[in-house]
Amino acid sequence: MSRDRGTAAQPQDQGYGLVTDLAGDLIPGLVMSAASQEHGTLTARDGAVLPDLPVGTRLRVLPNHACATAAQHRGYHVIDSSRTATDAPAVHAVWNRVSGW
């Protein structure tokens, strides 16, 4: 997770990233407001209802800045986002990261 707060000066600050479920569907009003090495803090925006997230719930965070995040991985998964509401996205290809410039 990048510690980039590039959206802090924008009309709507996105914190450290927006939060989705495992299928990639955005959880409205939920942002990652703080980050540390092993975990992040999720915060509901003003007026948003915090969803029931029992301990162990797996989520995804869409980072604000992808460079530092992407550099931590050997490649990128290309997914097909056309899916039903209950299906997770299928990986159709893996793009290897170019390194060693």
PDB file of N, CA and C in Angstrom:
ATOM      1  N   MET A   1       0.845  -1.173   0.000  1.00  0.00           N
ATOM      2  CA  MET A   1       0.000   0.000   0.000  1.00  0.00           C
ATOM      3  C   MET A   1       0.888   1.233   0.000  1.00  0.00           C
ATOM      4  N   SER A   2       0.612   2.130  -0.886  1.00  0.00           N
ATOM      5  CA  SER A   2       1.371   3.371  -0.959  1.00  0.00           C
ATOM      6  C   SER A   2       0.920   4.323   0.140  1.00  0.00           C
ATOM      7  N   ARG A   3       1.847   5.070   0.697  1.00  0.00           N
ATOM      8  CA  ARG A   3       1.512   6.079   1.702  1.00  0.00           C
ATOM      9  C   ARG A   3       1.259   7.432   1.032  1.00  0.00           C
ATOM     10  N   ASP A   4       1.041   7.426  -0.263  1.00  0.00           N
ATOM     11  CA  ASP A   4       0.796   8.650  -1.019  1.00  0.00           C
ATOM     12  C   ASP A   4      -0.597   9.178  -0.702  1.00  0.00           C
ATOM     13  N   ARG A   5      -0.677  10.427  -0.300  1.00  0.00           N
ATOM     14  CA  ARG A   5      -1.961  11.075  -0.035  1.00  0.00           C
ATOM     15  C   ARG A   5      -2.226  12.103  -1.123  1.00  0.00           C
ATOM     16  N   GLY A   6      -2.005  11.720  -2.372  1.00  0.00           N
ATOM     17  CA  GLY A   6      -2.127  12.627  -3.505  1.00  0.00           C
ATOM     18  C   GLY A   6      -3.487  13.264  -3.668  1.00  0.00           C
ATOM     19  N   THR A   7      -4.521  12.700  -3.064  1.00  0.00           N
ATOM     20  CA  THR A   7      -5.860  13.279  -3.214  1.00  0.00           C
ATOM     21  C   THR A   7      -6.211  14.231  -2.072  1.00  0.00           C
ATOM     22  N   ALA A   8      -5.293  14.465  -1.141  1.00  0.00           N
ATOM     23  CA  ALA A   8      -5.593  15.292   0.038  1.00  0.00           C
ATOM     24  C   ALA A   8      -6.031  16.707  -0.336  1.00  0.00           C
ATOM     25  N   ALA A   9      -5.514  17.254  -1.439  1.00  0.00           N
ATOM     26  CA  ALA A   9      -5.861  18.618  -1.842  1.00  0.00           C
ATOM     27  C   ALA A   9      -7.036  18.662  -2.822  1.00  0.00           C
ATOM     28  N   GLN A  10      -7.589  17.517  -3.171  1.00  0.00           N
ATOM     29  CA  GLN A  10      -8.705  17.458  -4.114  1.00  0.00           C
ATOM     30  C   GLN A  10     -10.025  17.768  -3.404  1.00  0.00           C
ATOM     31  N   PRO A  11     -11.066  18.114  -4.172  1.00  0.00           N
ATOM     32  CA  PRO A  11     -12.367  18.413  -3.546  1.00  0.00           C
ATOM     33  C   PRO A  11     -12.887  17.274  -2.658  1.00  0.00           C
ATOM     34  N   GLN A  12     -12.601  16.025  -3.029  1.00  0.00           N
ATOM     35  CA  GLN A  12     -12.970  14.902  -2.161  1.00  0.00           C
ATOM     36  C   GLN A  12     -11.734  14.037  -1.946  1.00  0.00           C
ATOM     37  N   ASP A  13     -11.230  14.059  -0.730  1.00  0.00           N
ATOM     38  CA  ASP A  13     -10.046  13.281  -0.378  1.00  0.00           C
ATOM     39  C   ASP A  13     -10.415  11.800  -0.338  1.00  0.00           C
ATOM     40  N   GLN A  14      -9.625  10.973  -1.006  1.00  0.00           N
ATOM     41  CA  GLN A  14      -9.891   9.530  -1.041  1.00  0.00           C
ATOM     42  C   GLN A  14      -9.044   8.773  -0.020  1.00  0.00           C
ATOM     43  N   GLY A  15      -8.444   9.486   0.939  1.00  0.00           N
ATOM     44  CA  GLY A  15      -7.618   8.829   1.948  1.00  0.00           C
ATOM     45  C   GLY A  15      -6.450   8.123   1.279  1.00  0.00           C
ATOM     46  N   TYR A  16      -6.152   6.911   1.732  1.00  0.00           N
ATOM     47  CA  TYR A  16      -5.100   6.110   1.106  1.00  0.00           C
ATOM     48  C   TYR A  16      -5.666   5.205   0.023  1.00  0.00           C
ATOM     49  N   GLY A  17      -6.977   5.202  -0.144  1.00  0.00           N
ATOM     50  CA  GLY A  17      -7.593   4.400  -1.189  1.00  0.00           C
ATOM     51  C   GLY A  17      -9.036   4.059  -0.869  1.00  0.00           C
ATOM     52  N   LEU A  18      -9.772   3.722  -1.913  1.00  0.00           N
ATOM     53  CA  LEU A  18     -11.163   3.302  -1.765  1.00  0.00           C
ATOM     54  C   LEU A  18     -11.214   1.811  -1.474  1.00  0.00           C
ATOM     55  N   VAL A  19     -12.281   1.368  -0.827  1.00  0.00           N
ATOM     56  CA  VAL A  19     -12.393  -0.016  -0.367  1.00  0.00           C
ATOM     57  C   VAL A  19     -13.447  -0.747  -1.192  1.00  0.00           C
ATOM     58  N   THR A  20     -13.107  -1.983  -1.594  1.00  0.00           N
ATOM     59  CA  THR A  20     -14.052  -2.833  -2.315  1.00  0.00           C
ATOM     60  C   THR A  20     -14.154  -4.184  -1.617  1.00  0.00           C
ATOM     61  N   ASP A  21     -15.176  -4.945  -2.001  1.00  0.00           N
ATOM     62  CA  ASP A  21     -15.245  -6.330  -1.538  1.00  0.00           C
ATOM     63  C   ASP A  21     -14.306  -7.158  -2.418  1.00  0.00           C
ATOM     64  N   LEU A  22     -14.247  -8.467  -2.197  1.00  0.00           N
ATOM     65  CA  LEU A  22     -13.318  -9.304  -2.964  1.00  0.00           C
ATOM     66  C   LEU A  22     -13.653  -9.364  -4.444  1.00  0.00           C
ATOM     67  N   ALA A  23     -14.914  -9.134  -4.785  1.00  0.00           N
ATOM     68  CA  ALA A  23     -15.313  -9.141  -6.195  1.00  0.00           C
ATOM     69  C   ALA A  23     -14.948  -7.834  -6.891  1.00  0.00           C
ATOM     70  N   GLY A  24     -14.449  -6.853  -6.127  1.00  0.00           N
ATOM     71  CA  GLY A  24     -14.066  -5.572  -6.714  1.00  0.00           C
ATOM     72  C   GLY A  24     -15.171  -4.539  -6.720  1.00  0.00           C
ATOM     73  N   ASP A  25     -16.287  -4.825  -6.046  1.00  0.00           N
ATOM     74  CA  ASP A  25     -17.394  -3.870  -5.983  1.00  0.00           C
ATOM     75  C   ASP A  25     -17.137  -2.862  -4.867  1.00  0.00           C
ATOM     76  N   LEU A  26     -17.195  -1.581  -5.212  1.00  0.00           N
ATOM     77  CA  LEU A  26     -16.928  -0.498  -4.277  1.00  0.00           C
ATOM     78  C   LEU A  26     -17.895  -0.540  -3.101  1.00  0.00           C
ATOM     79  N   ILE A  27     -17.376  -0.345  -1.896  1.00  0.00           N
ATOM     80  CA  ILE A  27     -18.218  -0.222  -0.705  1.00  0.00           C
ATOM     81  C   ILE A  27     -18.424   1.277  -0.501  1.00  0.00           C
ATOM     82  N   PRO A  28     -19.618   1.784  -0.789  1.00  0.00           N
ATOM     83  CA  PRO A  28     -19.857   3.232  -0.772  1.00  0.00           C
ATOM     84  C   PRO A  28     -19.523   3.870   0.578  1.00  0.00           C
ATOM     85  N   GLY A  29     -18.826   5.008   0.508  1.00  0.00           N
ATOM     86  CA  GLY A  29     -18.556   5.795   1.702  1.00  0.00           C
ATOM     87  C   GLY A  29     -17.441   5.281   2.585  1.00  0.00           C
ATOM     88  N   LEU A  30     -16.723   4.244   2.166  1.00  0.00           N
ATOM     89  CA  LEU A  30     -15.664   3.669   2.997  1.00  0.00           C
ATOM     90  C   LEU A  30     -14.308   3.963   2.368  1.00  0.00           C
ATOM     91  N   VAL A  31     -13.387   4.524   3.152  1.00  0.00           N
ATOM     92  CA  VAL A  31     -12.036   4.824   2.674  1.00  0.00           C
ATOM     93  C   VAL A  31     -11.017   4.299   3.678  1.00  0.00           C
ATOM     94  N   MET A  32      -9.807   4.079   3.194  1.00  0.00           N
ATOM     95  CA  MET A  32      -8.704   3.730   4.084  1.00  0.00           C
ATOM     96  C   MET A  32      -8.092   5.045   4.542  1.00  0.00           C
ATOM     97  N   SER A  33      -8.236   5.363   5.820  1.00  0.00           N
ATOM     98  CA  SER A  33      -7.843   6.677   6.335  1.00  0.00           C
ATOM     99  C   SER A  33      -6.454   6.706   6.960  1.00  0.00           C
ATOM    100  N   ALA A  34      -5.894   5.550   7.275  1.00  0.00           N
ATOM    101  CA  ALA A  34      -4.554   5.483   7.857  1.00  0.00           C
ATOM    102  C   ALA A  34      -3.891   4.195   7.397  1.00  0.00           C
ATOM    103  N   ALA A  35      -2.557   4.214   7.349  1.00  0.00           N
ATOM    104  CA  ALA A  35      -1.820   3.040   6.886  1.00  0.00           C
ATOM    105  C   ALA A  35      -0.599   2.816   7.766  1.00  0.00           C
ATOM    106  N   SER A  36      -0.301   1.547   8.008  1.00  0.00           N
ATOM    107  CA  SER A  36       0.940   1.173   8.673  1.00  0.00           C
ATOM    108  C   SER A  36       1.491  -0.030   7.925  1.00  0.00           C
ATOM    109  N   GLN A  37       2.531  -0.647   8.437  1.00  0.00           N
ATOM    110  CA  GLN A  37       3.164  -1.733   7.697  1.00  0.00           C
ATOM    111  C   GLN A  37       2.246  -2.923   7.466  1.00  0.00           C
ATOM    112  N   GLU A  38       1.483  -3.318   8.463  1.00  0.00           N
ATOM    113  CA  GLU A  38       0.687  -4.539   8.338  1.00  0.00           C
ATOM    114  C   GLU A  38      -0.811  -4.323   8.204  1.00  0.00           C
ATOM    115  N   HIS A  39      -1.295  -3.129   8.435  1.00  0.00           N
ATOM    116  CA  HIS A  39      -2.743  -2.937   8.407  1.00  0.00           C
ATOM    117  C   HIS A  39      -3.098  -1.500   8.068  1.00  0.00           C
ATOM    118  N   GLY A  40      -4.368  -1.296   7.814  1.00  0.00           N
ATOM    119  CA  GLY A  40      -4.885   0.039   7.561  1.00  0.00           C
ATOM    120  C   GLY A  40      -6.123   0.268   8.403  1.00  0.00           C
ATOM    121  N   THR A  41      -6.507   1.527   8.531  1.00  0.00           N
ATOM    122  CA  THR A  41      -7.712   1.894   9.267  1.00  0.00           C
ATOM    123  C   THR A  41      -8.767   2.328   8.267  1.00  0.00           C
ATOM    124  N   LEU A  42      -9.957   1.737   8.358  1.00  0.00           N
ATOM    125  CA  LEU A  42     -11.060   2.098   7.475  1.00  0.00           C
ATOM    126  C   LEU A  42     -11.975   3.070   8.197  1.00  0.00           C
ATOM    127  N   THR A  43     -12.443   4.075   7.465  1.00  0.00           N
ATOM    128  CA  THR A  43     -13.313   5.100   8.031  1.00  0.00           C
ATOM    129  C   THR A  43     -14.501   5.312   7.105  1.00  0.00           C
ATOM    130  N   ALA A  44     -15.683   5.458   7.701  1.00  0.00           N
ATOM    131  CA  ALA A  44     -16.876   5.792   6.920  1.00  0.00           C
ATOM    132  C   ALA A  44     -16.927   7.305   6.755  1.00  0.00           C
ATOM    133  N   ARG A  45     -17.203   7.762   5.541  1.00  0.00           N
ATOM    134  CA  ARG A  45     -17.353   9.201   5.299  1.00  0.00           C
ATOM    135  C   ARG A  45     -18.569   9.722   6.058  1.00  0.00           C
ATOM    136  N   ASP A  46     -18.631  11.043   6.225  1.00  0.00           N
ATOM    137  CA  ASP A  46     -19.785  11.653   6.885  1.00  0.00           C
ATOM    138  C   ASP A  46     -21.076  11.196   6.219  1.00  0.00           C
ATOM    139  N   GLY A  47     -21.999  10.690   7.013  1.00  0.00           N
ATOM    140  CA  GLY A  47     -23.294  10.259   6.508  1.00  0.00           C
ATOM    141  C   GLY A  47     -23.322   8.834   5.992  1.00  0.00           C
ATOM    142  N   ALA A  48     -22.169   8.217   5.796  1.00  0.00           N
ATOM    143  CA  ALA A  48     -22.138   6.839   5.297  1.00  0.00           C
ATOM    144  C   ALA A  48     -22.340   5.866   6.456  1.00  0.00           C
ATOM    145  N   VAL A  49     -22.958   4.757   6.148  1.00  0.00           N
ATOM    146  CA  VAL A  49     -23.186   3.720   7.148  1.00  0.00           C
ATOM    147  C   VAL A  49     -22.043   2.717   7.056  1.00  0.00           C
ATOM    148  N   LEU A  50     -21.368   2.477   8.169  1.00  0.00           N
ATOM    149  CA  LEU A  50     -20.283   1.507   8.193  1.00  0.00           C
ATOM    150  C   LEU A  50     -20.880   0.114   8.060  1.00  0.00           C
ATOM    151  N   PRO A  51     -20.478  -0.644   7.040  1.00  0.00           N
ATOM    152  CA  PRO A  51     -21.044  -1.982   6.863  1.00  0.00           C
ATOM    153  C   PRO A  51     -20.566  -2.933   7.952  1.00  0.00           C
ATOM    154  N   ASP A  52     -21.307  -4.011   8.136  1.00  0.00           N
ATOM    155  CA  ASP A  52     -20.927  -5.041   9.095  1.00  0.00           C
ATOM    156  C   ASP A  52     -19.732  -5.795   8.519  1.00  0.00           C
ATOM    157  N   LEU A  53     -18.574  -5.646   9.149  1.00  0.00           N
ATOM    158  CA  LEU A  53     -17.348  -6.296   8.688  1.00  0.00           C
ATOM    159  C   LEU A  53     -16.762  -7.097   9.850  1.00  0.00           C
ATOM    160  N   PRO A  54     -17.183  -8.350  10.002  1.00  0.00           N
ATOM    161  CA  PRO A  54     -16.654  -9.166  11.093  1.00  0.00           C
ATOM    162  C   PRO A  54     -15.143  -9.341  10.966  1.00  0.00           C
ATOM    163  N   VAL A  55     -14.475  -9.596  12.084  1.00  0.00           N
ATOM    164  CA  VAL A  55     -13.042  -9.868  12.069  1.00  0.00           C
ATOM    165  C   VAL A  55     -12.781 -10.999  11.078  1.00  0.00           C
ATOM    166  N   GLY A  56     -11.801 -10.808  10.223  1.00  0.00           N
ATOM    167  CA  GLY A  56     -11.459 -11.808   9.214  1.00  0.00           C
ATOM    168  C   GLY A  56     -12.048 -11.524   7.847  1.00  0.00           C
ATOM    169  N   THR A  57     -12.910 -10.503   7.742  1.00  0.00           N
ATOM    170  CA  THR A  57     -13.482 -10.147   6.444  1.00  0.00           C
ATOM    171  C   THR A  57     -12.362  -9.698   5.514  1.00  0.00           C
ATOM    172  N   ARG A  58     -12.315 -10.271   4.327  1.00  0.00           N
ATOM    173  CA  ARG A  58     -11.292  -9.907   3.349  1.00  0.00           C
ATOM    174  C   ARG A  58     -11.834  -8.836   2.417  1.00  0.00           C
ATOM    175  N   LEU A  59     -11.044  -7.793   2.227  1.00  0.00           N
ATOM    176  CA  LEU A  59     -11.416  -6.662   1.386  1.00  0.00           C
ATOM    177  C   LEU A  59     -10.263  -6.345   0.444  1.00  0.00           C
ATOM    178  N   ARG A  60     -10.528  -5.471  -0.496  1.00  0.00           N
ATOM    179  CA  ARG A  60      -9.482  -4.951  -1.376  1.00  0.00           C
ATOM    180  C   ARG A  60      -9.451  -3.435  -1.206  1.00  0.00           C
ATOM    181  N   VAL A  61      -8.271  -2.841  -1.386  1.00  0.00           N
ATOM    182  CA  VAL A  61      -8.128  -1.389  -1.343  1.00  0.00           C
ATOM    183  C   VAL A  61      -7.579  -0.942  -2.691  1.00  0.00           C
ATOM    184  N   LEU A  62      -8.261   0.012  -3.313  1.00  0.00           N
ATOM    185  CA  LEU A  62      -7.804   0.580  -4.576  1.00  0.00           C
ATOM    186  C   LEU A  62      -6.884   1.747  -4.229  1.00  0.00           C
ATOM    187  N   PRO A  63      -5.569   1.580  -4.382  1.00  0.00           N
ATOM    188  CA  PRO A  63      -4.632   2.613  -3.930  1.00  0.00           C
ATOM    189  C   PRO A  63      -4.704   3.873  -4.776  1.00  0.00           C
ATOM    190  N   ASN A  64      -4.370   4.999  -4.154  1.00  0.00           N
ATOM    191  CA  ASN A  64      -4.326   6.276  -4.869  1.00  0.00           C
ATOM    192  C   ASN A  64      -3.177   6.344  -5.846  1.00  0.00           C
ATOM    193  N   HIS A  65      -2.088   5.732  -5.498  1.00  0.00           N
ATOM    194  CA  HIS A  65      -0.871   5.845  -6.289  1.00  0.00           C
ATOM    195  C   HIS A  65      -0.368   4.440  -6.556  1.00  0.00           C
ATOM    196  N   ALA A  66      -0.363   4.029  -7.799  1.00  0.00           N
ATOM    197  CA  ALA A  66      -0.078   2.636  -8.120  1.00  0.00           C
ATOM    198  C   ALA A  66       1.407   2.309  -8.251  1.00  0.00           C
ATOM    199  N   CYS A  67       2.271   3.294  -8.464  1.00  0.00           N
ATOM    200  CA  CYS A  67       3.685   2.991  -8.721  1.00  0.00           C
ATOM    201  C   CYS A  67       4.324   2.191  -7.591  1.00  0.00           C
ATOM    202  N   ALA A  68       4.263   2.706  -6.375  1.00  0.00           N
ATOM    203  CA  ALA A  68       4.892   2.007  -5.249  1.00  0.00           C
ATOM    204  C   ALA A  68       4.185   0.690  -4.967  1.00  0.00           C
ATOM    205  N   THR A  69       2.894   0.644  -5.191  1.00  0.00           N
ATOM    206  CA  THR A  69       2.142  -0.584  -4.966  1.00  0.00           C
ATOM    207  C   THR A  69       2.509  -1.628  -6.015  1.00  0.00           C
ATOM    208  N   ALA A  70       2.512  -1.243  -7.276  1.00  0.00           N
ATOM    209  CA  ALA A  70       2.796  -2.179  -8.362  1.00  0.00           C
ATOM    210  C   ALA A  70       4.225  -2.697  -8.314  1.00  0.00           C
ATOM    211  N   ALA A  71       5.151  -1.889  -7.834  1.00  0.00           N
ATOM    212  CA  ALA A  71       6.556  -2.295  -7.788  1.00  0.00           C
ATOM    213  C   ALA A  71       6.790  -3.464  -6.834  1.00  0.00           C
ATOM    214  N   GLN A  72       5.842  -3.739  -5.965  1.00  0.00           N
ATOM    215  CA  GLN A  72       5.985  -4.829  -4.998  1.00  0.00           C
ATOM    216  C   GLN A  72       5.604  -6.186  -5.585  1.00  0.00           C
ATOM    217  N   HIS A  73       5.163  -6.204  -6.837  1.00  0.00           N
ATOM    218  CA  HIS A  73       4.670  -7.439  -7.447  1.00  0.00           C
ATOM    219  C   HIS A  73       5.450  -7.781  -8.709  1.00  0.00           C
ATOM    220  N   ARG A  74       5.483  -9.061  -9.062  1.00  0.00           N
ATOM    221  CA  ARG A  74       6.205  -9.517 -10.252  1.00  0.00           C
ATOM    222  C   ARG A  74       5.417  -9.306 -11.534  1.00  0.00           C
ATOM    223  N   GLY A  75       4.102  -9.117 -11.412  1.00  0.00           N
ATOM    224  CA  GLY A  75       3.284  -8.949 -12.603  1.00  0.00           C
ATOM    225  C   GLY A  75       1.920  -8.408 -12.245  1.00  0.00           C
ATOM    226  N   TYR A  76       1.088  -8.258 -13.271  1.00  0.00           N
ATOM    227  CA  TYR A  76      -0.246  -7.688 -13.104  1.00  0.00           C
ATOM    228  C   TYR A  76      -1.275  -8.659 -13.658  1.00  0.00           C
ATOM    229  N   HIS A  77      -2.364  -8.840 -12.938  1.00  0.00           N
ATOM    230  CA  HIS A  77      -3.441  -9.708 -13.400  1.00  0.00           C
ATOM    231  C   HIS A  77      -4.423  -8.893 -14.227  1.00  0.00           C
ATOM    232  N   VAL A  78      -4.691  -9.357 -15.424  1.00  0.00           N
ATOM    233  CA  VAL A  78      -5.672  -8.728 -16.303  1.00  0.00           C
ATOM    234  C   VAL A  78      -6.979  -9.477 -16.089  1.00  0.00           C
ATOM    235  N   ILE A  79      -8.023  -8.745 -15.691  1.00  0.00           N
ATOM    236  CA  ILE A  79      -9.290  -9.400 -15.373  1.00  0.00           C
ATOM    237  C   ILE A  79     -10.392  -8.960 -16.320  1.00  0.00           C
ATOM    238  N   ASP A  80     -11.422  -9.777 -16.376  1.00  0.00           N
ATOM    239  CA  ASP A  80     -12.626  -9.459 -17.142  1.00  0.00           C
ATOM    240  C   ASP A  80     -13.649  -8.957 -16.138  1.00  0.00           C
ATOM    241  N   SER A  81     -13.983  -7.688 -16.219  1.00  0.00           N
ATOM    242  CA  SER A  81     -14.898  -7.116 -15.232  1.00  0.00           C
ATOM    243  C   SER A  81     -16.364  -7.388 -15.557  1.00  0.00           C
ATOM    244  N   SER A  82     -16.654  -8.023 -16.694  1.00  0.00           N
ATOM    245  CA  SER A  82     -18.049  -8.356 -17.001  1.00  0.00           C
ATOM    246  C   SER A  82     -18.372  -9.676 -16.313  1.00  0.00           C
ATOM    247  N   ARG A  83     -19.035  -9.585 -15.199  1.00  0.00           N
ATOM    248  CA  ARG A  83     -19.327 -10.754 -14.373  1.00  0.00           C
ATOM    249  C   ARG A  83     -20.688 -10.572 -13.730  1.00  0.00           C
ATOM    250  N   THR A  84     -21.210 -11.636 -13.187  1.00  0.00           N
ATOM    251  CA  THR A  84     -22.460 -11.516 -12.446  1.00  0.00           C
ATOM    252  C   THR A  84     -22.140 -11.010 -11.048  1.00  0.00           C
ATOM    253  N   ALA A  85     -23.146 -10.630 -10.310  1.00  0.00           N
ATOM    254  CA  ALA A  85     -22.951 -10.056  -8.980  1.00  0.00           C
ATOM    255  C   ALA A  85     -22.287 -11.028  -8.011  1.00  0.00           C
ATOM    256  N   THR A  86     -22.396 -12.324  -8.255  1.00  0.00           N
ATOM    257  CA  THR A  86     -21.841 -13.298  -7.311  1.00  0.00           C
ATOM    258  C   THR A  86     -20.495 -13.865  -7.741  1.00  0.00           C
ATOM    259  N   ASP A  87     -20.065 -13.586  -8.961  1.00  0.00           N
ATOM    260  CA  ASP A  87     -18.800 -14.132  -9.452  1.00  0.00           C
ATOM    261  C   ASP A  87     -17.655 -13.156  -9.235  1.00  0.00           C
ATOM    262  N   ALA A  88     -16.525 -13.679  -8.787  1.00  0.00           N
ATOM    263  CA  ALA A  88     -15.314 -12.858  -8.703  1.00  0.00           C
ATOM    264  C   ALA A  88     -14.751 -12.712 -10.114  1.00  0.00           C
ATOM    265  N   PRO A  89     -14.028 -11.630 -10.386  1.00  0.00           N
ATOM    266  CA  PRO A  89     -13.442 -11.454 -11.722  1.00  0.00           C
ATOM    267  C   PRO A  89     -12.502 -12.603 -12.070  1.00  0.00           C
ATOM    268  N   ALA A  90     -12.528 -13.034 -13.320  1.00  0.00           N
ATOM    269  CA  ALA A  90     -11.645 -14.104 -13.784  1.00  0.00           C
ATOM    270  C   ALA A  90     -10.358 -13.489 -14.334  1.00  0.00           C
ATOM    271  N   VAL A  91      -9.223 -14.102 -14.016  1.00  0.00           N
ATOM    272  CA  VAL A  91      -7.938 -13.640 -14.538  1.00  0.00           C
ATOM    273  C   VAL A  91      -7.773 -14.206 -15.948  1.00  0.00           C
ATOM    274  N   HIS A  92      -7.589 -13.313 -16.932  1.00  0.00           N
ATOM    275  CA  HIS A  92      -7.459 -13.731 -18.327  1.00  0.00           C
ATOM    276  C   HIS A  92      -6.019 -13.710 -18.817  1.00  0.00           C
ATOM    277  N   ALA A  93      -5.169 -12.946 -18.153  1.00  0.00           N
ATOM    278  CA  ALA A  93      -3.763 -12.881 -18.550  1.00  0.00           C
ATOM    279  C   ALA A  93      -2.955 -12.351 -17.374  1.00  0.00           C
ATOM    280  N   VAL A  94      -1.669 -12.625 -17.408  1.00  0.00           N
ATOM    281  CA  VAL A  94      -0.749 -12.057 -16.429  1.00  0.00           C
ATOM    282  C   VAL A  94       0.325 -11.308 -17.211  1.00  0.00           C
ATOM    283  N   TRP A  95       0.476 -10.021 -16.910  1.00  0.00           N
ATOM    284  CA  TRP A  95       1.502  -9.213 -17.560  1.00  0.00           C
ATOM    285  C   TRP A  95       2.694  -9.128 -16.619  1.00  0.00           C
ATOM    286  N   ASN A  96       3.846  -9.593 -17.068  1.00  0.00           N
ATOM    287  CA  ASN A  96       5.051  -9.504 -16.258  1.00  0.00           C
ATOM    288  C   ASN A  96       5.525  -8.062 -16.195  1.00  0.00           C
ATOM    289  N   ARG A  97       6.033  -7.682 -15.040  1.00  0.00           N
ATOM    290  CA  ARG A  97       6.516  -6.318 -14.836  1.00  0.00           C
ATOM    291  C   ARG A  97       7.893  -6.164 -15.468  1.00  0.00           C
ATOM    292  N   VAL A  98       8.123  -5.038 -16.105  1.00  0.00           N
ATOM    293  CA  VAL A  98       9.434  -4.731 -16.677  1.00  0.00           C
ATOM    294  C   VAL A  98      10.267  -4.078 -15.578  1.00  0.00           C
ATOM    295  N   SER A  99      11.472  -4.566 -15.372  1.00  0.00           N
ATOM    296  CA  SER A  99      12.340  -3.966 -14.358  1.00  0.00           C
ATOM    297  C   SER A  99      13.773  -3.941 -14.877  1.00  0.00           C
ATOM    298  N   GLY A 100      14.646  -3.317 -14.131  1.00  0.00           N
ATOM    299  CA  GLY A 100      16.048  -3.261 -14.517  1.00  0.00           C
ATOM    300  C   GLY A 100      16.351  -2.210 -15.553  1.00  0.00           C
ATOM    301  N   TRP A 101      15.650  -1.090 -15.498  1.00  0.00           N
ATOM    302  CA  TRP A 101      15.885  -0.025 -16.466  1.00  0.00           C
ATOM    303  C   TRP A 101      17.321   0.344 -16.400  1.00  0.00           C
TER     304      TRP A 101
END
